[in-house]
mmCIF file of all heavy atoms, coordinates in Angstrom:
data_MODEL
# 
_entry.id   MODEL 
# 
loop_
_atom_site.group_PDB 
_atom_site.id 
_atom_site.type_symbol 
_atom_site.label_atom_id 
_atom_site.label_alt_id 
_atom_site.label_comp_id 
_atom_site.label_asym_id 
_atom_site.label_entity_id 
_atom_site.label_seq_id 
_atom_site.pdbx_PDB_ins_code 
_atom_site.Cartn_x 
_atom_site.Cartn_y 
_atom_site.Cartn_z 
_atom_site.occupancy 
_atom_site.B_iso_or_equiv 
_atom_site.pdbx_formal_charge 
_atom_site.auth_seq_id 
_atom_site.auth_comp_id 
_atom_site.auth_asym_id 
_atom_site.auth_atom_id 
_atom_site.pdbx_PDB_model_num 
ATOM 1   N N   . VAL A 1 1  ? -6.984  -0.046  3.145  1.00 0.00 ? 1  VAL A N   1 
ATOM 2   C CA  . VAL A 1 1  ? -6.291  -1.026  2.298  1.00 0.00 ? 1  VAL A CA  1 
ATOM 3   C C   . VAL A 1 1  ? -4.977  -0.421  1.821  1.00 0.00 ? 1  VAL A C   1 
ATOM 4   O O   . VAL A 1 1  ? -4.965  0.647   1.196  1.00 0.00 ? 1  VAL A O   1 
ATOM 5   C CB  . VAL A 1 1  ? -7.152  -1.442  1.097  1.00 0.00 ? 1  VAL A CB  1 
ATOM 6   C CG1 . VAL A 1 1  ? -6.444  -2.529  0.294  1.00 0.00 ? 1  VAL A CG1 1 
ATOM 7   C CG2 . VAL A 1 1  ? -8.519  -1.929  1.554  1.00 0.00 ? 1  VAL A CG2 1 
ATOM 8   N N   . ALA A 1 2  ? -3.883  -1.097  2.125  1.00 0.00 ? 2  ALA A N   1 
ATOM 9   C CA  . ALA A 1 2  ? -2.544  -0.630  1.739  1.00 0.00 ? 2  ALA A CA  1 
ATOM 10  C C   . ALA A 1 2  ? -1.761  -1.826  1.210  1.00 0.00 ? 2  ALA A C   1 
ATOM 11  O O   . ALA A 1 2  ? -0.758  -2.231  1.786  1.00 0.00 ? 2  ALA A O   1 
ATOM 12  C CB  . ALA A 1 2  ? -1.843  0.003   2.936  1.00 0.00 ? 2  ALA A CB  1 
ATOM 13  N N   . ASP A 1 3  ? -2.237  -2.393  0.101  1.00 0.00 ? 3  ASP A N   1 
ATOM 14  C CA  . ASP A 1 3  ? -1.669  -3.642  -0.400 1.00 0.00 ? 3  ASP A CA  1 
ATOM 15  C C   . ASP A 1 3  ? -0.438  -3.458  -1.277 1.00 0.00 ? 3  ASP A C   1 
ATOM 16  O O   . ASP A 1 3  ? 0.143   -4.433  -1.764 1.00 0.00 ? 3  ASP A O   1 
ATOM 17  C CB  . ASP A 1 3  ? -2.727  -4.443  -1.170 1.00 0.00 ? 3  ASP A CB  1 
ATOM 18  C CG  . ASP A 1 3  ? -3.394  -3.652  -2.280 1.00 0.00 ? 3  ASP A CG  1 
ATOM 19  O OD1 . ASP A 1 3  ? -3.639  -2.445  -2.098 1.00 0.00 ? 3  ASP A OD1 1 
ATOM 20  O OD2 . ASP A 1 3  ? -3.702  -4.239  -3.332 1.00 0.00 ? 3  ASP A OD2 1 
ATOM 21  N N   . ASP A 1 4  ? 0.002   -2.226  -1.477 1.00 0.00 ? 4  ASP A N   1 
ATOM 22  C CA  . ASP A 1 4  ? 1.160   -1.934  -2.317 1.00 0.00 ? 4  ASP A CA  1 
ATOM 23  C C   . ASP A 1 4  ? 2.441   -2.448  -1.648 1.00 0.00 ? 4  ASP A C   1 
ATOM 24  O O   . ASP A 1 4  ? 2.813   -1.969  -0.577 1.00 0.00 ? 4  ASP A O   1 
ATOM 25  C CB  . ASP A 1 4  ? 1.232   -0.419  -2.517 1.00 0.00 ? 4  ASP A CB  1 
ATOM 26  C CG  . ASP A 1 4  ? 2.432   0.020   -3.319 1.00 0.00 ? 4  ASP A CG  1 
ATOM 27  O OD1 . ASP A 1 4  ? 3.081   -0.829  -3.963 1.00 0.00 ? 4  ASP A OD1 1 
ATOM 28  O OD2 . ASP A 1 4  ? 2.745   1.222   -3.282 1.00 0.00 ? 4  ASP A OD2 1 
ATOM 29  N N   . VAL A 1 5  ? 3.123   -3.392  -2.286 1.00 0.00 ? 5  VAL A N   1 
ATOM 30  C CA  . VAL A 1 5  ? 4.372   -3.912  -1.721 1.00 0.00 ? 5  VAL A CA  1 
ATOM 31  C C   . VAL A 1 5  ? 5.599   -3.320  -2.392 1.00 0.00 ? 5  VAL A C   1 
ATOM 32  O O   . VAL A 1 5  ? 6.732   -3.648  -2.018 1.00 0.00 ? 5  VAL A O   1 
ATOM 33  C CB  . VAL A 1 5  ? 4.428   -5.457  -1.818 1.00 0.00 ? 5  VAL A CB  1 
ATOM 34  C CG1 . VAL A 1 5  ? 3.278   -6.091  -1.064 1.00 0.00 ? 5  VAL A CG1 1 
ATOM 35  C CG2 . VAL A 1 5  ? 4.444   -5.913  -3.282 1.00 0.00 ? 5  VAL A CG2 1 
ATOM 36  N N   . ALA A 1 6  ? 5.412   -2.430  -3.369 1.00 0.00 ? 6  ALA A N   1 
ATOM 37  C CA  . ALA A 1 6  ? 6.567   -1.832  -4.036 1.00 0.00 ? 6  ALA A CA  1 
ATOM 38  C C   . ALA A 1 6  ? 7.277   -0.850  -3.114 1.00 0.00 ? 6  ALA A C   1 
ATOM 39  O O   . ALA A 1 6  ? 8.502   -0.721  -3.144 1.00 0.00 ? 6  ALA A O   1 
ATOM 40  C CB  . ALA A 1 6  ? 6.130   -1.125  -5.318 1.00 0.00 ? 6  ALA A CB  1 
ATOM 41  N N   . LEU A 1 7  ? 6.489   -0.128  -2.298 1.00 0.00 ? 7  LEU A N   1 
ATOM 42  C CA  . LEU A 1 7  ? 7.067   0.831   -1.370 1.00 0.00 ? 7  LEU A CA  1 
ATOM 43  C C   . LEU A 1 7  ? 7.483   0.138   -0.082 1.00 0.00 ? 7  LEU A C   1 
ATOM 44  O O   . LEU A 1 7  ? 6.759   -0.714  0.428  1.00 0.00 ? 7  LEU A O   1 
ATOM 45  C CB  . LEU A 1 7  ? 6.043   1.926   -1.034 1.00 0.00 ? 7  LEU A CB  1 
ATOM 46  C CG  . LEU A 1 7  ? 5.650   2.868   -2.171 1.00 0.00 ? 7  LEU A CG  1 
ATOM 47  C CD1 . LEU A 1 7  ? 4.490   3.736   -1.738 1.00 0.00 ? 7  LEU A CD1 1 
ATOM 48  C CD2 . LEU A 1 7  ? 6.833   3.716   -2.593 1.00 0.00 ? 7  LEU A CD2 1 
ATOM 49  N N   . PRO A 1 8  ? 8.627   0.506   0.473  1.00 0.00 ? 8  PRO A N   1 
ATOM 50  C CA  . PRO A 1 8  ? 9.031   -0.079  1.759  1.00 0.00 ? 8  PRO A CA  1 
ATOM 51  C C   . PRO A 1 8  ? 8.156   0.474   2.879  1.00 0.00 ? 8  PRO A C   1 
ATOM 52  O O   . PRO A 1 8  ? 7.582   1.561   2.779  1.00 0.00 ? 8  PRO A O   1 
ATOM 53  C CB  . PRO A 1 8  ? 10.484  0.383   1.912  1.00 0.00 ? 8  PRO A CB  1 
ATOM 54  C CG  . PRO A 1 8  ? 10.541  1.668   1.139  1.00 0.00 ? 8  PRO A CG  1 
ATOM 55  C CD  . PRO A 1 8  ? 9.622   1.476   -0.042 1.00 0.00 ? 8  PRO A CD  1 
ATOM 56  N N   . GLU A 1 9  ? 8.029   -0.284  3.938  1.00 0.00 ? 9  GLU A N   1 
ATOM 57  C CA  . GLU A 1 9  ? 7.314   0.208   5.103  1.00 0.00 ? 9  GLU A CA  1 
ATOM 58  C C   . GLU A 1 9  ? 8.205   1.208   5.839  1.00 0.00 ? 9  GLU A C   1 
ATOM 59  O O   . GLU A 1 9  ? 9.415   1.064   5.885  1.00 0.00 ? 9  GLU A O   1 
ATOM 60  C CB  . GLU A 1 9  ? 6.932   -0.945  6.033  1.00 0.00 ? 9  GLU A CB  1 
ATOM 61  C CG  . GLU A 1 9  ? 5.899   -1.878  5.428  1.00 0.00 ? 9  GLU A CG  1 
ATOM 62  C CD  . GLU A 1 9  ? 5.455   -2.952  6.399  1.00 0.00 ? 9  GLU A CD  1 
ATOM 63  O OE1 . GLU A 1 9  ? 6.340   -3.567  7.006  1.00 0.00 ? 9  GLU A OE1 1 
ATOM 64  O OE2 . GLU A 1 9  ? 4.232   -3.152  6.538  1.00 0.00 ? 9  GLU A OE2 1 
ATOM 65  N N   . GLY A 1 10 ? 7.595   2.246   6.416  1.00 0.00 ? 10 GLY A N   1 
ATOM 66  C CA  . GLY A 1 10 ? 8.362   3.256   7.137  1.00 0.00 ? 10 GLY A CA  1 
ATOM 67  C C   . GLY A 1 10 ? 7.724   4.614   7.028  1.00 0.00 ? 10 GLY A C   1 
ATOM 68  O O   . GLY A 1 10 ? 6.644   4.789   6.437  1.00 0.00 ? 10 GLY A O   1 
ATOM 69  N N   . ASP A 1 11 ? 8.414   5.628   7.576  1.00 0.00 ? 11 ASP A N   1 
ATOM 70  C CA  . ASP A 1 11 ? 7.888   6.997   7.630  1.00 0.00 ? 11 ASP A CA  1 
ATOM 71  C C   . ASP A 1 11 ? 8.447   7.883   6.529  1.00 0.00 ? 11 ASP A C   1 
ATOM 72  O O   . ASP A 1 11 ? 8.261   9.098   6.560  1.00 0.00 ? 11 ASP A O   1 
ATOM 73  C CB  . ASP A 1 11 ? 8.222   7.623   8.993  1.00 0.00 ? 11 ASP A CB  1 
ATOM 74  C CG  . ASP A 1 11 ? 7.515   6.898   10.127 1.00 0.00 ? 11 ASP A CG  1 
ATOM 75  O OD1 . ASP A 1 11 ? 6.401   6.383   9.901  1.00 0.00 ? 11 ASP A OD1 1 
ATOM 76  O OD2 . ASP A 1 11 ? 8.098   6.847   11.223 1.00 0.00 ? 11 ASP A OD2 1 
ATOM 77  N N   . GLU A 1 12 ? 9.159   7.286   5.562  1.00 0.00 ? 12 GLU A N   1 
ATOM 78  C CA  . GLU A 1 12 ? 9.784   8.117   4.535  1.00 0.00 ? 12 GLU A CA  1 
ATOM 79  C C   . GLU A 1 12 ? 8.801   8.586   3.484  1.00 0.00 ? 12 GLU A C   1 
ATOM 80  O O   . GLU A 1 12 ? 9.144   9.374   2.618  1.00 0.00 ? 12 GLU A O   1 
ATOM 81  C CB  . GLU A 1 12 ? 10.925  7.338   3.852  1.00 0.00 ? 12 GLU A CB  1 
ATOM 82  C CG  . GLU A 1 12 ? 12.097  6.984   4.765  1.00 0.00 ? 12 GLU A CG  1 
ATOM 83  C CD  . GLU A 1 12 ? 11.785  5.796   5.657  1.00 0.00 ? 12 GLU A CD  1 
ATOM 84  O OE1 . GLU A 1 12 ? 10.893  4.995   5.289  1.00 0.00 ? 12 GLU A OE1 1 
ATOM 85  O OE2 . GLU A 1 12 ? 12.418  5.685   6.722  1.00 0.00 ? 12 GLU A OE2 1 
ATOM 86  N N   . HIS A 1 13 ? 7.584   8.072   3.508  1.00 0.00 ? 13 HIS A N   1 
ATOM 87  C CA  . HIS A 1 13 ? 6.569   8.458   2.534  1.00 0.00 ? 13 HIS A CA  1 
ATOM 88  C C   . HIS A 1 13 ? 5.212   8.419   3.221  1.00 0.00 ? 13 HIS A C   1 
ATOM 89  O O   . HIS A 1 13 ? 5.113   8.178   4.428  1.00 0.00 ? 13 HIS A O   1 
ATOM 90  C CB  . HIS A 1 13 ? 6.588   7.506   1.324  1.00 0.00 ? 13 HIS A CB  1 
ATOM 91  C CG  . HIS A 1 13 ? 6.606   6.055   1.691  1.00 0.00 ? 13 HIS A CG  1 
ATOM 92  N ND1 . HIS A 1 13 ? 5.497   5.398   2.194  1.00 0.00 ? 13 HIS A ND1 1 
ATOM 93  C CD2 . HIS A 1 13 ? 7.610   5.142   1.663  1.00 0.00 ? 13 HIS A CD2 1 
ATOM 94  C CE1 . HIS A 1 13 ? 5.805   4.137   2.433  1.00 0.00 ? 13 HIS A CE1 1 
ATOM 95  N NE2 . HIS A 1 13 ? 7.081   3.946   2.133  1.00 0.00 ? 13 HIS A NE2 1 
ATOM 96  N N   . ALA A 1 14 ? 4.159   8.698   2.466  1.00 0.00 ? 14 ALA A N   1 
ATOM 97  C CA  . ALA A 1 14 ? 2.821   8.822   3.046  1.00 0.00 ? 14 ALA A CA  1 
ATOM 98  C C   . ALA A 1 14 ? 2.160   7.476   3.327  1.00 0.00 ? 14 ALA A C   1 
ATOM 99  O O   . ALA A 1 14 ? 1.020   7.436   3.758  1.00 0.00 ? 14 ALA A O   1 
ATOM 100 C CB  . ALA A 1 14 ? 1.925   9.651   2.126  1.00 0.00 ? 14 ALA A CB  1 
ATOM 101 N N   . GLY A 1 15 ? 2.870   6.393   3.095  1.00 0.00 ? 15 GLY A N   1 
ATOM 102 C CA  . GLY A 1 15 ? 2.308   5.085   3.395  1.00 0.00 ? 15 GLY A CA  1 
ATOM 103 C C   . GLY A 1 15 ? 2.084   4.255   2.147  1.00 0.00 ? 15 GLY A C   1 
ATOM 104 O O   . GLY A 1 15 ? 1.941   4.781   1.039  1.00 0.00 ? 15 GLY A O   1 
ATOM 105 N N   . ARG A 1 16 ? 2.069   2.946   2.325  1.00 0.00 ? 16 ARG A N   1 
ATOM 106 C CA  . ARG A 1 16 ? 1.798   2.055   1.203  1.00 0.00 ? 16 ARG A CA  1 
ATOM 107 C C   . ARG A 1 16 ? 0.394   2.304   0.671  1.00 0.00 ? 16 ARG A C   1 
ATOM 108 O O   . ARG A 1 16 ? -0.557  2.475   1.431  1.00 0.00 ? 16 ARG A O   1 
ATOM 109 C CB  . ARG A 1 16 ? 1.954   0.602   1.654  1.00 0.00 ? 16 ARG A CB  1 
ATOM 110 C CG  . ARG A 1 16 ? 3.411   0.200   1.845  1.00 0.00 ? 16 ARG A CG  1 
ATOM 111 C CD  . ARG A 1 16 ? 3.556   -1.247  2.250  1.00 0.00 ? 16 ARG A CD  1 
ATOM 112 N NE  . ARG A 1 16 ? 4.919   -1.722  1.981  1.00 0.00 ? 16 ARG A NE  1 
ATOM 113 C CZ  . ARG A 1 16 ? 5.347   -2.946  2.235  1.00 0.00 ? 16 ARG A CZ  1 
ATOM 114 N NH1 . ARG A 1 16 ? 4.516   -3.840  2.756  1.00 0.00 ? 16 ARG A NH1 1 
ATOM 115 N NH2 . ARG A 1 16 ? 6.581   -3.297  1.958  1.00 0.00 ? 16 ARG A NH2 1 
ATOM 116 N N   . ARG A 1 17 ? 0.269   2.274   -0.651 1.00 0.00 ? 17 ARG A N   1 
ATOM 117 C CA  . ARG A 1 17 ? -0.967  2.683   -1.300 1.00 0.00 ? 17 ARG A CA  1 
ATOM 118 C C   . ARG A 1 17 ? -1.960  1.530   -1.447 1.00 0.00 ? 17 ARG A C   1 
ATOM 119 O O   . ARG A 1 17 ? -1.586  0.367   -1.426 1.00 0.00 ? 17 ARG A O   1 
ATOM 120 C CB  . ARG A 1 17 ? -0.629  3.254   -2.682 1.00 0.00 ? 17 ARG A CB  1 
ATOM 121 C CG  . ARG A 1 17 ? 0.312   4.431   -2.621 1.00 0.00 ? 17 ARG A CG  1 
ATOM 122 C CD  . ARG A 1 17 ? 1.006   4.721   -3.939 1.00 0.00 ? 17 ARG A CD  1 
ATOM 123 N NE  . ARG A 1 17 ? 1.983   3.699   -4.287 1.00 0.00 ? 17 ARG A NE  1 
ATOM 124 C CZ  . ARG A 1 17 ? 2.934   3.861   -5.202 1.00 0.00 ? 17 ARG A CZ  1 
ATOM 125 N NH1 . ARG A 1 17 ? 3.006   4.989   -5.874 1.00 0.00 ? 17 ARG A NH1 1 
ATOM 126 N NH2 . ARG A 1 17 ? 3.779   2.885   -5.468 1.00 0.00 ? 17 ARG A NH2 1 
ATOM 127 N N   . GLY A 1 18 ? -3.216  1.888   -1.613 1.00 0.00 ? 18 GLY A N   1 
ATOM 128 C CA  . GLY A 1 18 ? -4.248  0.912   -1.910 1.00 0.00 ? 18 GLY A CA  1 
ATOM 129 C C   . GLY A 1 18 ? -4.331  0.690   -3.409 1.00 0.00 ? 18 GLY A C   1 
ATOM 130 O O   . GLY A 1 18 ? -4.496  1.645   -4.176 1.00 0.00 ? 18 GLY A O   1 
ATOM 131 N N   . LEU A 1 19 ? -4.205  -0.565  -3.840 1.00 0.00 ? 19 LEU A N   1 
ATOM 132 C CA  . LEU A 1 19 ? -4.169  -0.881  -5.270 1.00 0.00 ? 19 LEU A CA  1 
ATOM 133 C C   . LEU A 1 19 ? -5.275  -1.879  -5.599 1.00 0.00 ? 19 LEU A C   1 
ATOM 134 O O   . LEU A 1 19 ? -6.310  -1.921  -4.932 1.00 0.00 ? 19 LEU A O   1 
ATOM 135 C CB  . LEU A 1 19 ? -2.783  -1.423  -5.636 1.00 0.00 ? 19 LEU A CB  1 
ATOM 136 C CG  . LEU A 1 19 ? -1.591  -0.492  -5.337 1.00 0.00 ? 19 LEU A CG  1 
ATOM 137 C CD1 . LEU A 1 19 ? -0.272  -1.177  -5.673 1.00 0.00 ? 19 LEU A CD1 1 
ATOM 138 C CD2 . LEU A 1 19 ? -1.706  0.834   -6.061 1.00 0.00 ? 19 LEU A CD2 1 
ATOM 139 N N   . ALA A 1 20 ? -5.066  -2.692  -6.626 1.00 0.00 ? 20 ALA A N   1 
ATOM 140 C CA  . ALA A 1 20 ? -6.126  -3.555  -7.151 1.00 0.00 ? 20 ALA A CA  1 
ATOM 141 C C   . ALA A 1 20 ? -6.626  -4.581  -6.151 1.00 0.00 ? 20 ALA A C   1 
ATOM 142 O O   . ALA A 1 20 ? -7.771  -5.039  -6.229 1.00 0.00 ? 20 ALA A O   1 
ATOM 143 C CB  . ALA A 1 20 ? -5.640  -4.266  -8.424 1.00 0.00 ? 20 ALA A CB  1 
ATOM 144 N N   . GLY A 1 21 ? -5.801  -4.939  -5.175 1.00 0.00 ? 21 GLY A N   1 
ATOM 145 C CA  . GLY A 1 21 ? -6.255  -5.881  -4.171 1.00 0.00 ? 21 GLY A CA  1 
ATOM 146 C C   . GLY A 1 21 ? -7.451  -5.393  -3.386 1.00 0.00 ? 21 GLY A C   1 
ATOM 147 O O   . GLY A 1 21 ? -8.170  -6.195  -2.766 1.00 0.00 ? 21 GLY A O   1 
ATOM 148 N N   . THR A 1 22 ? -7.698  -4.083  -3.410 1.00 0.00 ? 22 THR A N   1 
ATOM 149 C CA  . THR A 1 22 ? -8.871  -3.518  -2.749 1.00 0.00 ? 22 THR A CA  1 
ATOM 150 C C   . THR A 1 22 ? -10.147 -4.207  -3.208 1.00 0.00 ? 22 THR A C   1 
ATOM 151 O O   . THR A 1 22 ? -11.096 -4.370  -2.431 1.00 0.00 ? 22 THR A O   1 
ATOM 152 C CB  . THR A 1 22 ? -8.962  -2.006  -3.045 1.00 0.00 ? 22 THR A CB  1 
ATOM 153 O OG1 . THR A 1 22 ? -7.720  -1.386  -2.687 1.00 0.00 ? 22 THR A OG1 1 
ATOM 154 C CG2 . THR A 1 22 ? -10.087 -1.359  -2.265 1.00 0.00 ? 22 THR A CG2 1 
ATOM 155 N N   . VAL A 1 23 ? -10.188 -4.622  -4.467 1.00 0.00 ? 23 VAL A N   1 
ATOM 156 C CA  . VAL A 1 23 ? -11.391 -5.248  -5.017 1.00 0.00 ? 23 VAL A CA  1 
ATOM 157 C C   . VAL A 1 23 ? -11.709 -6.552  -4.286 1.00 0.00 ? 23 VAL A C   1 
ATOM 158 O O   . VAL A 1 23 ? -12.879 -6.891  -4.071 1.00 0.00 ? 23 VAL A O   1 
ATOM 159 C CB  . VAL A 1 23 ? -11.218 -5.482  -6.533 1.00 0.00 ? 23 VAL A CB  1 
ATOM 160 C CG1 . VAL A 1 23 ? -12.391 -6.253  -7.111 1.00 0.00 ? 23 VAL A CG1 1 
ATOM 161 C CG2 . VAL A 1 23 ? -11.051 -4.149  -7.250 1.00 0.00 ? 23 VAL A CG2 1 
ATOM 162 N N   . LEU A 1 24 ? -10.690 -7.308  -3.880 1.00 0.00 ? 24 LEU A N   1 
ATOM 163 C CA  . LEU A 1 24 ? -10.931 -8.542  -3.134 1.00 0.00 ? 24 LEU A CA  1 
ATOM 164 C C   . LEU A 1 24 ? -11.500 -8.231  -1.753 1.00 0.00 ? 24 LEU A C   1 
ATOM 165 O O   . LEU A 1 24 ? -12.366 -8.956  -1.245 1.00 0.00 ? 24 LEU A O   1 
ATOM 166 C CB  . LEU A 1 24 ? -9.640  -9.343  -3.008 1.00 0.00 ? 24 LEU A CB  1 
ATOM 167 C CG  . LEU A 1 24 ? -8.996  -9.802  -4.329 1.00 0.00 ? 24 LEU A CG  1 
ATOM 168 C CD1 . LEU A 1 24 ? -7.736  -10.615 -4.047 1.00 0.00 ? 24 LEU A CD1 1 
ATOM 169 C CD2 . LEU A 1 24 ? -9.976  -10.615 -5.152 1.00 0.00 ? 24 LEU A CD2 1 
ATOM 170 N N   . VAL A 1 25 ? -11.029 -7.163  -1.126 1.00 0.00 ? 25 VAL A N   1 
ATOM 171 C CA  . VAL A 1 25 ? -11.582 -6.746  0.165  1.00 0.00 ? 25 VAL A CA  1 
ATOM 172 C C   . VAL A 1 25 ? -13.056 -6.387  0.002  1.00 0.00 ? 25 VAL A C   1 
ATOM 173 O O   . VAL A 1 25 ? -13.907 -6.771  0.816  1.00 0.00 ? 25 VAL A O   1 
ATOM 174 C CB  . VAL A 1 25 ? -10.798 -5.543  0.723  1.00 0.00 ? 25 VAL A CB  1 
ATOM 175 C CG1 . VAL A 1 25 ? -11.397 -5.084  2.053  1.00 0.00 ? 25 VAL A CG1 1 
ATOM 176 C CG2 . VAL A 1 25 ? -9.327  -5.885  0.903  1.00 0.00 ? 25 VAL A CG2 1 
# 
């Protein structure tokens, strides 16, 4: 789960994070 939309997609960081939306999954 990588529902974080604050971070841009790309290789500049470790990836979009899993946040509260994980609970819906």
